[in-house]
C-alpha atoms as a PDB file:
ATOM      1  CA  UNK A   1       0.000   0.000   0.000  1.00  0.00           C
ATOM      2  CA  UNK A   2       1.324   3.436  -0.935  1.00  0.00           C
ATOM      3  CA  UNK A   3       0.135   6.735   0.464  1.00  0.00           C
ATOM      4  CA  UNK A   4       0.183   9.527  -2.072  1.00  0.00           C
ATOM      5  CA  UNK A   5      -0.805  13.179  -2.066  1.00  0.00           C
ATOM      6  CA  UNK A   6      -2.378  14.441  -5.233  1.00  0.00           C
ATOM      7  CA  UNK A   7      -3.394  18.092  -5.371  1.00  0.00           C
ATOM      8  CA  UNK A   8      -3.433  18.224  -1.586  1.00  0.00           C
ATOM      9  CA  UNK A   9      -5.831  15.284  -1.285  1.00  0.00           C
ATOM     10  CA  UNK A  10      -4.433  12.154   0.338  1.00  0.00           C
ATOM     11  CA  UNK A  11      -5.212   8.968  -1.574  1.00  0.00           C
ATOM     12  CA  UNK A  12      -4.245   5.361  -1.026  1.00  0.00           C
ATOM     13  CA  UNK A  13      -3.075   3.142  -3.842  1.00  0.00           C
ATOM     14  CA  UNK A  14      -2.680  -0.612  -3.560  1.00  0.00           C
ATOM     15  CA  UNK A  15       0.415  -1.752  -5.448  1.00  0.00           C
ATOM     16  CA  UNK A  16       1.567  -5.136  -6.702  1.00  0.00           C
ATOM     17  CA  UNK A  17       4.776  -6.468  -5.241  1.00  0.00           C
ATOM     18  CA  UNK A  18       6.008  -7.387  -8.709  1.00  0.00           C
ATOM     19  CA  UNK A  19       7.213  -4.705 -11.045  1.00  0.00           C
ATOM     20  CA  UNK A  20       5.338  -3.996 -14.217  1.00  0.00           C
ATOM     21  CA  UNK A  21       6.607  -1.112 -16.316  1.00  0.00           C
ATOM     22  CA  UNK A  22       5.170   2.021 -14.771  1.00  0.00           C
ATOM     23  CA  UNK A  23       6.127   5.600 -14.207  1.00  0.00           C
ATOM     24  CA  UNK A  24       7.388   6.496 -10.764  1.00  0.00           C
ATOM     25  CA  UNK A  25       5.760   8.579  -8.068  1.00  0.00           C
ATOM     26  CA  UNK A  26       6.955  10.118  -4.840  1.00  0.00           C
ATOM     27  CA  UNK A  27       4.814   9.313  -1.810  1.00  0.00           C
ATOM     28  CA  UNK A  28       4.047  11.581   1.120  1.00  0.00           C
ATOM     29  CA  UNK A  29       6.780   9.752   3.049  1.00  0.00           C
ATOM     30  CA  UNK A  30       9.198  12.078   1.209  1.00  0.00           C
ATOM     31  CA  UNK A  31      11.431  14.017   3.622  1.00  0.00           C
ATOM     32  CA  UNK A  32      12.487  16.649   1.033  1.00  0.00           C
ATOM     33  CA  UNK A  33      16.138  15.664   1.356  1.00  0.00           C
ATOM     34  CA  UNK A  34      16.907  17.001  -2.142  1.00  0.00           C
ATOM     35  CA  UNK A  35      18.920  13.972  -3.315  1.00  0.00           C
ATOM     36  CA  UNK A  36      16.557  12.690  -6.023  1.00  0.00           C
ATOM     37  CA  UNK A  37      16.055  15.862  -8.057  1.00  0.00           C
ATOM     38  CA  UNK A  38      19.635  16.273  -9.345  1.00  0.00           C
ATOM     39  CA  UNK A  39      19.860  12.540 -10.148  1.00  0.00           C
ATOM     40  CA  UNK A  40      17.032  12.656 -12.693  1.00  0.00           C
ATOM     41  CA  UNK A  41      18.536  12.796 -16.194  1.00  0.00           C
ATOM     42  CA  UNK A  42      15.238  14.007 -17.670  1.00  0.00           C
ATOM     43  CA  UNK A  43      14.528  16.749 -15.107  1.00  0.00           C
ATOM     44  CA  UNK A  44      11.219  15.032 -14.324  1.00  0.00           C
ATOM     45  CA  UNK A  45      11.520  15.628 -10.565  1.00  0.00           C
ATOM     46  CA  UNK A  46      10.505  19.010  -9.189  1.00  0.00           C
ATOM     47  CA  UNK A  47       9.446  20.529  -5.879  1.00  0.00           C
ATOM     48  CA  UNK A  48       5.689  20.417  -5.505  1.00  0.00           C
ATOM     49  CA  UNK A  49       3.533  22.250  -2.980  1.00  0.00           C
ATOM     50  CA  UNK A  50       4.735  20.094  -0.070  1.00  0.00           C
ATOM     51  CA  UNK A  51       7.023  17.350  -1.385  1.00  0.00           C
ATOM     52  CA  UNK A  52       8.945  16.501  -4.525  1.00  0.00           C
ATOM     53  CA  UNK A  53       6.861  15.256  -7.428  1.00  0.00           C
ATOM     54  CA  UNK A  54       7.568  13.447 -10.691  1.00  0.00           C
ATOM     55  CA  UNK A  55       6.239  14.571 -14.069  1.00  0.00           C
ATOM     56  CA  UNK A  56       5.177  11.275 -15.705  1.00  0.00           C
ATOM     57  CA  UNK A  57       5.472  12.910 -19.121  1.00  0.00           C
ATOM     58  CA  UNK A  58       9.223  13.298 -18.541  1.00  0.00           C
ATOM     59  CA  UNK A  59       9.930  10.187 -16.448  1.00  0.00           C
ATOM     60  CA  UNK A  60      11.455   7.334 -18.447  1.00  0.00           C
ATOM     61  CA  UNK A  61      12.458   5.344 -15.352  1.00  0.00           C
ATOM     62  CA  UNK A  62      15.983   6.225 -16.554  1.00  0.00           C
ATOM     63  CA  UNK A  63      15.538   4.093 -19.690  1.00  0.00           C
ATOM     64  CA  UNK A  64      18.117   5.297 -22.181  1.00  0.00           C
ATOM     65  CA  UNK A  65      20.374   6.607 -19.417  1.00  0.00           C
ATOM     66  CA  UNK A  66      20.769   3.904 -16.743  1.00  0.00           C
ATOM     67  CA  UNK A  67      19.637   0.356 -16.029  1.00  0.00           C
ATOM     68  CA  UNK A  68      17.859   1.373 -12.799  1.00  0.00           C
ATOM     69  CA  UNK A  69      15.841   4.459 -11.854  1.00  0.00           C
ATOM     70  CA  UNK A  70      18.423   6.671 -10.175  1.00  0.00           C
ATOM     71  CA  UNK A  71      15.961   8.435  -7.879  1.00  0.00           C
ATOM     72  CA  UNK A  72      15.028   5.079  -6.337  1.00  0.00           C
ATOM     73  CA  UNK A  73      18.699   4.244  -5.871  1.00  0.00           C
ATOM     74  CA  UNK A  74      19.496   7.393  -3.883  1.00  0.00           C
ATOM     75  CA  UNK A  75      16.272   7.867  -1.890  1.00  0.00           C
ATOM     76  CA  UNK A  76      17.080   7.338   1.805  1.00  0.00           C
ATOM     77  CA  UNK A  77      13.467   6.596   2.782  1.00  0.00           C
ATOM     78  CA  UNK A  78      12.430   4.442  -0.214  1.00  0.00           C
ATOM     79  CA  UNK A  79       9.418   6.609  -1.044  1.00  0.00           C
ATOM     80  CA  UNK A  80       9.580   6.320  -4.860  1.00  0.00           C
ATOM     81  CA  UNK A  81       7.553   3.287  -5.966  1.00  0.00           C
ATOM     82  CA  UNK A  82       6.216   2.523  -9.419  1.00  0.00           C
ATOM     83  CA  UNK A  83       2.866   4.191 -10.114  1.00  0.00           C
ATOM     84  CA  UNK A  84       0.238   1.583 -11.010  1.00  0.00           C
ATOM     85  CA  UNK A  85      -1.940   4.333 -12.495  1.00  0.00           C
ATOM     86  CA  UNK A  86       0.682   5.127 -15.182  1.00  0.00           C
ATOM     87  CA  UNK A  87       1.700   2.002 -17.073  1.00  0.00           C
ATOM     88  CA  UNK A  88       4.211   2.109 -19.931  1.00  0.00           C
ATOM     89  CA  UNK A  89       5.999  -0.595 -21.872  1.00  0.00           C
ATOM     90  CA  UNK A  90       9.784  -0.584 -22.252  1.00  0.00           C
ATOM     91  CA  UNK A  91       9.210   0.441 -25.879  1.00  0.00           C
ATOM     92  CA  UNK A  92       7.072   3.410 -24.809  1.00  0.00           C
ATOM     93  CA  UNK A  93       9.704   4.469 -22.260  1.00  0.00           C
ATOM     94  CA  UNK A  94      12.431   4.302 -24.907  1.00  0.00           C
ATOM     95  CA  UNK A  95      10.298   6.302 -27.372  1.00  0.00           C
ATOM     96  CA  UNK A  96       9.716   8.925 -24.667  1.00  0.00           C
ATOM     97  CA  UNK A  97      13.466   9.050 -23.970  1.00  0.00           C
ATOM     98  CA  UNK A  98      14.194   9.567 -27.680  1.00  0.00           C
ATOM     99  CA  UNK A  99      11.542  12.312 -27.936  1.00  0.00           C
ATOM    100  CA  UNK A 100      12.950  14.108 -24.888  1.00  0.00           C
ATOM    101  CA  UNK A 101      16.485  13.879 -26.298  1.00  0.00           C
ATOM    102  CA  UNK A 102      15.389  15.329 -29.641  1.00  0.00           C
ATOM    103  CA  UNK A 103      13.597  18.196 -27.883  1.00  0.00           C
ATOM    104  CA  UNK A 104      16.642  18.925 -25.699  1.00  0.00           C
ATOM    105  CA  UNK A 105      19.003  19.061 -28.664  1.00  0.00           C
ATOM    106  CA  UNK A 106      16.719  21.041 -30.989  1.00  0.00           C
ATOM    107  CA  UNK A 107      17.967  24.531 -31.841  1.00  0.00           C
ATOM    108  CA  UNK A 108      15.945  27.429 -30.387  1.00  0.00           C
ATOM    109  CA  UNK A 109      13.035  28.599 -32.504  1.00  0.00           C
ATOM    110  CA  UNK A 110      13.625  31.628 -34.703  1.00  0.00           C
ATOM    111  CA  UNK A 111      13.083  34.812 -32.724  1.00  0.00           C
ATOM    112  CA  UNK A 112      13.385  33.025 -29.391  1.00  0.00           C
ATOM    113  CA  UNK A 113      15.516  34.842 -26.814  1.00  0.00           C
ATOM    114  CA  UNK A 114      19.004  33.448 -26.330  1.00  0.00           C
ATOM    115  CA  UNK A 115      21.227  33.523 -23.284  1.00  0.00           C
ATOM    116  CA  UNK A 116      24.565  35.296 -23.492  1.00  0.00           C
END
């Protein structure tokens, strides 16, 4: 069982003990220790209203970067389980990784401000 805050409303999610490909989520057991955010190669982890959160549209479970999700590896309180509400196949995770990489390496749009 995983406790999760979503928009300030506490919900309970029953999870399987076996892993099926899913995005990750950060539960309300998070202690805001700041170690997971810099480990995310896709910048999917950000500070939410009370605890860190994961953008499932950016989370690839580190597919394309590492063999294991790095946030799970460094979390001292093990509060980053797989999210049973967001299922993705390894192929979908790899396609998301490739899309994110293309977007990150795309040149700025014409007329967009540049940093000096």
